[in-house]
Amino acid sequence: MIILIINHQSTQKPIINLIRAIINQIAVKKLNQSIFSQCTPTRIAQTDLYNRIYQITQEYDFSPIKAQKITNELIQFFIKTIKIIAQDLIETIQTNALKNWLEDPELIEWLHQKWNVDGEEQLIKKYLKQLQLLLLSNLPQNQIIVVNFSVTPVLIGFNTDKLQLWTKQTEKIGNATLHNIVYWPKSLSHFYNL
């Protein structure tokens, strides 16, 4: 029955719509952005697919009660299967993006300049790896790490709303000391490769 439903011409678009809706739902939770810009809301996609499956079961002379039972079971099966696949897909995108983003040589060079340190590439990479592990466990939450290069600690963090890495830069201008938050121009979303 599942193969008949999947291959039936009238269900192909509704199944695709449901797949896109569920992937978007998980992407917003995990990546803070959707993958598909134009997407049917999940509830509408689910109702549309339900109606199509129910119509197909009528073609096979099921009683209304049996047709409803089969339709409910198939919808639940599709939702569970799509969620498992979507979760895997989003986790792979997230892991690869974070790795590529935080290992970007331009980021390491940018931090060298902002922190005004030389020959500390391995230490910078260590702190970026620490940030990567924090973000993998909880991307939707802002993160801050204290970096100890010298007597004065430096802060590095992640802004969830902007999906950008920032650092607190200290500048001396005359007798004044300024503390500025500066953002690395490349956001994490540039590395999603969707």
Protein backbone atom coordinates (compact mmCIF):
# COMPACT_ATOMS: atom_id res chain seq x y z
CA MET A 1 0.00 0.00 0.00
CA ILE A 2 2.86 2.40 0.84
CA ILE A 3 4.42 1.84 -2.60
CA LEU A 4 1.05 2.43 -4.27
CA ILE A 5 0.62 5.70 -2.33
CA ILE A 6 4.15 6.95 -3.08
CA ASN A 7 3.86 6.07 -6.78
CA HIS A 8 0.36 7.45 -7.17
CA GLN A 9 0.51 10.63 -9.25
CA SER A 10 -1.90 12.58 -7.05
CA THR A 11 0.20 12.13 -3.86
CA GLN A 12 3.65 12.96 -5.20
CA LYS A 13 3.39 16.74 -4.72
CA PRO A 14 1.72 16.51 -1.27
CA ILE A 15 4.43 14.09 -0.05
CA ILE A 16 7.14 16.48 -1.31
CA ASN A 17 5.35 19.41 0.39
CA LEU A 18 5.24 17.50 3.69
CA ILE A 19 8.93 16.58 3.41
CA ARG A 20 9.86 20.22 2.78
CA ALA A 21 7.65 21.45 5.64
CA ILE A 22 9.13 19.02 8.19
CA ILE A 23 12.73 19.71 7.07
CA ASN A 24 12.07 23.45 7.41
CA GLN A 25 10.59 22.96 10.89
CA ILE A 26 13.70 21.11 12.10
CA ALA A 27 16.07 23.51 10.29
CA VAL A 28 14.55 26.53 12.07
CA LYS A 29 15.05 24.80 15.44
CA LYS A 30 18.59 23.56 14.73
CA LEU A 31 20.07 26.06 12.26
CA ASN A 32 18.05 29.17 13.14
CA GLN A 33 16.93 29.46 9.53
CA SER A 34 14.73 27.59 7.10
CA ILE A 35 16.10 25.70 4.12
CA PHE A 36 13.22 26.19 1.69
CA SER A 37 12.16 29.79 1.16
CA GLN A 38 8.73 28.88 -0.21
CA CYS A 39 7.11 26.11 1.73
CA THR A 40 3.59 25.01 2.65
CA PRO A 41 2.91 25.15 6.42
CA THR A 42 3.23 21.71 8.03
CA ARG A 43 -0.41 21.42 9.10
CA ILE A 44 -1.69 22.26 5.59
CA ALA A 45 0.81 19.89 3.94
CA GLN A 46 -0.24 17.10 6.32
CA THR A 47 -3.98 17.70 5.74
CA ASP A 48 -3.48 17.79 1.97
CA LEU A 49 -1.58 14.49 1.99
CA TYR A 50 -4.18 12.96 4.32
CA ASN A 51 -6.99 13.88 1.88
CA ARG A 52 -5.10 12.45 -1.11
CA ILE A 53 -4.33 9.16 0.65
CA TYR A 54 -7.93 8.87 1.79
CA GLN A 55 -9.12 9.34 -1.82
CA ILE A 56 -6.74 6.61 -3.03
CA THR A 57 -7.97 4.15 -0.40
CA GLN A 58 -11.49 4.75 -1.74
CA GLU A 59 -10.29 3.53 -5.15
CA TYR A 60 -9.52 0.15 -3.53
CA ASP A 61 -13.02 -0.26 -2.07
CA PHE A 62 -12.04 0.05 1.59
CA SER A 63 -14.85 0.86 3.97
CA PRO A 64 -14.75 4.47 5.30
CA ILE A 65 -13.56 3.26 8.72
CA LYS A 66 -10.83 1.05 7.21
CA ALA A 67 -9.83 3.85 4.78
CA GLN A 68 -9.50 6.32 7.68
CA LYS A 69 -7.43 3.83 9.73
CA ILE A 70 -5.05 3.14 6.82
CA THR A 71 -4.75 6.86 6.06
CA ASN A 72 -3.93 7.71 9.70
CA GLU A 73 -1.32 4.94 9.90
CA LEU A 74 0.33 6.00 6.64
CA ILE A 75 0.44 9.67 7.66
CA GLN A 76 2.08 8.74 10.99
CA PHE A 77 4.54 6.47 9.17
CA PHE A 78 5.48 9.24 6.70
CA ILE A 79 5.89 11.86 9.45
CA LYS A 80 8.11 9.61 11.61
CA THR A 81 10.26 8.59 8.62
CA ILE A 82 10.63 12.15 7.32
CA LYS A 83 11.56 13.43 10.81
CA ILE A 84 14.33 10.83 11.18
CA ILE A 85 15.77 11.66 7.74
CA ALA A 86 15.40 15.43 8.28
CA GLN A 87 17.11 15.25 11.69
CA ASP A 88 20.06 13.41 10.15
CA LEU A 89 20.28 15.83 7.24
CA ILE A 90 20.17 18.94 9.45
CA GLU A 91 22.74 17.54 11.91
CA THR A 92 25.12 16.80 9.01
CA ILE A 93 24.66 20.31 7.60
CA GLN A 94 25.19 21.84 11.06
CA THR A 95 28.32 19.82 11.86
CA ASN A 96 29.97 20.49 8.49
CA ALA A 97 29.06 24.18 8.53
CA LEU A 98 30.43 24.75 12.04
CA LYS A 99 33.65 22.90 11.21
CA ASN A 100 34.21 24.82 7.95
CA TRP A 101 33.23 28.14 9.54
CA LEU A 102 35.45 27.91 12.61
CA GLU A 103 38.40 26.41 10.71
CA ASP A 104 38.35 29.10 8.01
CA PRO A 105 41.93 30.46 7.70
CA GLU A 106 40.50 33.96 7.22
CA LEU A 107 38.85 33.74 10.66
CA ILE A 108 42.11 32.71 12.31
CA GLU A 109 43.92 35.60 10.60
CA TRP A 110 41.12 38.00 11.61
CA LEU A 111 41.43 36.92 15.26
CA HIS A 112 45.24 37.34 15.08
CA GLN A 113 44.69 40.95 14.08
CA LYS A 114 41.89 41.67 16.55
CA TRP A 115 43.71 40.13 19.50
CA ASN A 116 47.07 41.52 18.39
CA VAL A 117 48.92 38.24 18.99
CA ASP A 118 51.62 36.49 16.99
CA GLY A 119 52.47 32.81 16.79
CA GLU A 120 49.40 31.68 18.73
CA GLU A 121 47.60 29.87 15.88
CA GLN A 122 47.31 26.56 17.77
CA LEU A 123 45.85 28.31 20.81
CA ILE A 124 43.34 30.19 18.63
CA LYS A 125 42.34 26.88 17.01
CA LYS A 126 41.93 25.32 20.47
CA TYR A 127 39.49 28.05 21.56
CA LEU A 128 37.60 27.85 18.27
CA LYS A 129 37.28 24.06 18.73
CA GLN A 130 35.94 24.67 22.23
CA LEU A 131 33.36 27.10 20.79
CA GLN A 132 32.46 24.56 18.08
CA LEU A 133 31.70 21.89 20.71
CA LEU A 134 29.51 24.33 22.66
CA LEU A 135 27.60 25.29 19.51
CA LEU A 136 27.12 21.68 18.41
CA SER A 137 25.43 20.91 21.71
CA ASN A 138 23.24 24.03 21.70
CA LEU A 139 23.30 26.26 18.62
CA PRO A 140 20.15 28.27 19.45
CA GLN A 141 21.86 29.71 22.54
CA ASN A 142 24.38 32.58 22.64
CA GLN A 143 27.82 31.40 23.73
CA ILE A 144 30.82 33.21 25.28
CA ILE A 145 34.34 31.90 25.92
CA VAL A 146 37.09 33.63 27.87
CA VAL A 147 40.39 33.42 26.00
CA ASN A 148 43.53 33.71 28.12
CA PHE A 149 46.54 34.85 26.09
CA SER A 150 47.98 37.29 28.55
CA VAL A 151 47.12 39.13 31.75
CA THR A 152 44.07 40.67 30.08
CA PRO A 153 41.53 38.02 29.06
CA VAL A 154 39.75 38.35 25.72
CA LEU A 155 36.17 37.32 25.00
CA ILE A 156 34.93 35.44 21.95
CA GLY A 157 31.31 34.52 21.42
CA PHE A 158 28.45 33.60 19.13
CA ASN A 159 25.38 35.74 18.49
CA THR A 160 22.36 33.52 17.76
CA ASP A 161 20.27 36.22 16.08
CA LYS A 162 22.99 37.23 13.62
CA LEU A 163 24.57 33.74 13.39
CA GLN A 164 27.90 35.54 13.73
CA LEU A 165 31.06 35.20 15.77
CA TRP A 166 32.20 38.22 17.76
CA THR A 167 35.14 39.19 19.89
CA LYS A 168 35.72 41.96 22.40
CA GLN A 169 38.51 44.15 21.07
CA THR A 170 40.49 46.47 23.34
CA GLU A 171 42.03 49.55 21.75
CA LYS A 172 44.18 52.24 23.32
CA ILE A 173 43.63 55.73 21.96
CA GLY A 174 45.87 58.14 23.81
CA ASN A 175 45.16 57.65 27.51
CA ALA A 176 41.73 56.10 26.87
CA THR A 177 41.05 52.37 26.59
CA LEU A 178 38.09 51.39 24.41
CA HIS A 179 36.36 48.01 24.54
CA ASN A 180 34.47 47.26 21.33
CA ILE A 181 32.51 44.21 20.25
CA VAL A 182 33.44 43.43 16.64
CA TYR A 183 31.77 40.83 14.43
CA TRP A 184 33.49 38.60 11.92
CA PRO A 185 31.79 39.51 8.60
CA LYS A 186 31.09 35.91 7.51
CA SER A 187 28.03 34.49 9.24
CA LEU A 188 27.54 30.78 9.88
CA SER A 189 24.76 30.72 7.30
CA HIS A 190 27.36 31.34 4.53
CA PHE A 191 28.69 27.86 5.31
CA TYR A 192 25.39 25.93 5.31
CA ASN A 193 25.77 24.95 1.62
CA LEU A 194 22.06 24.25 1.25
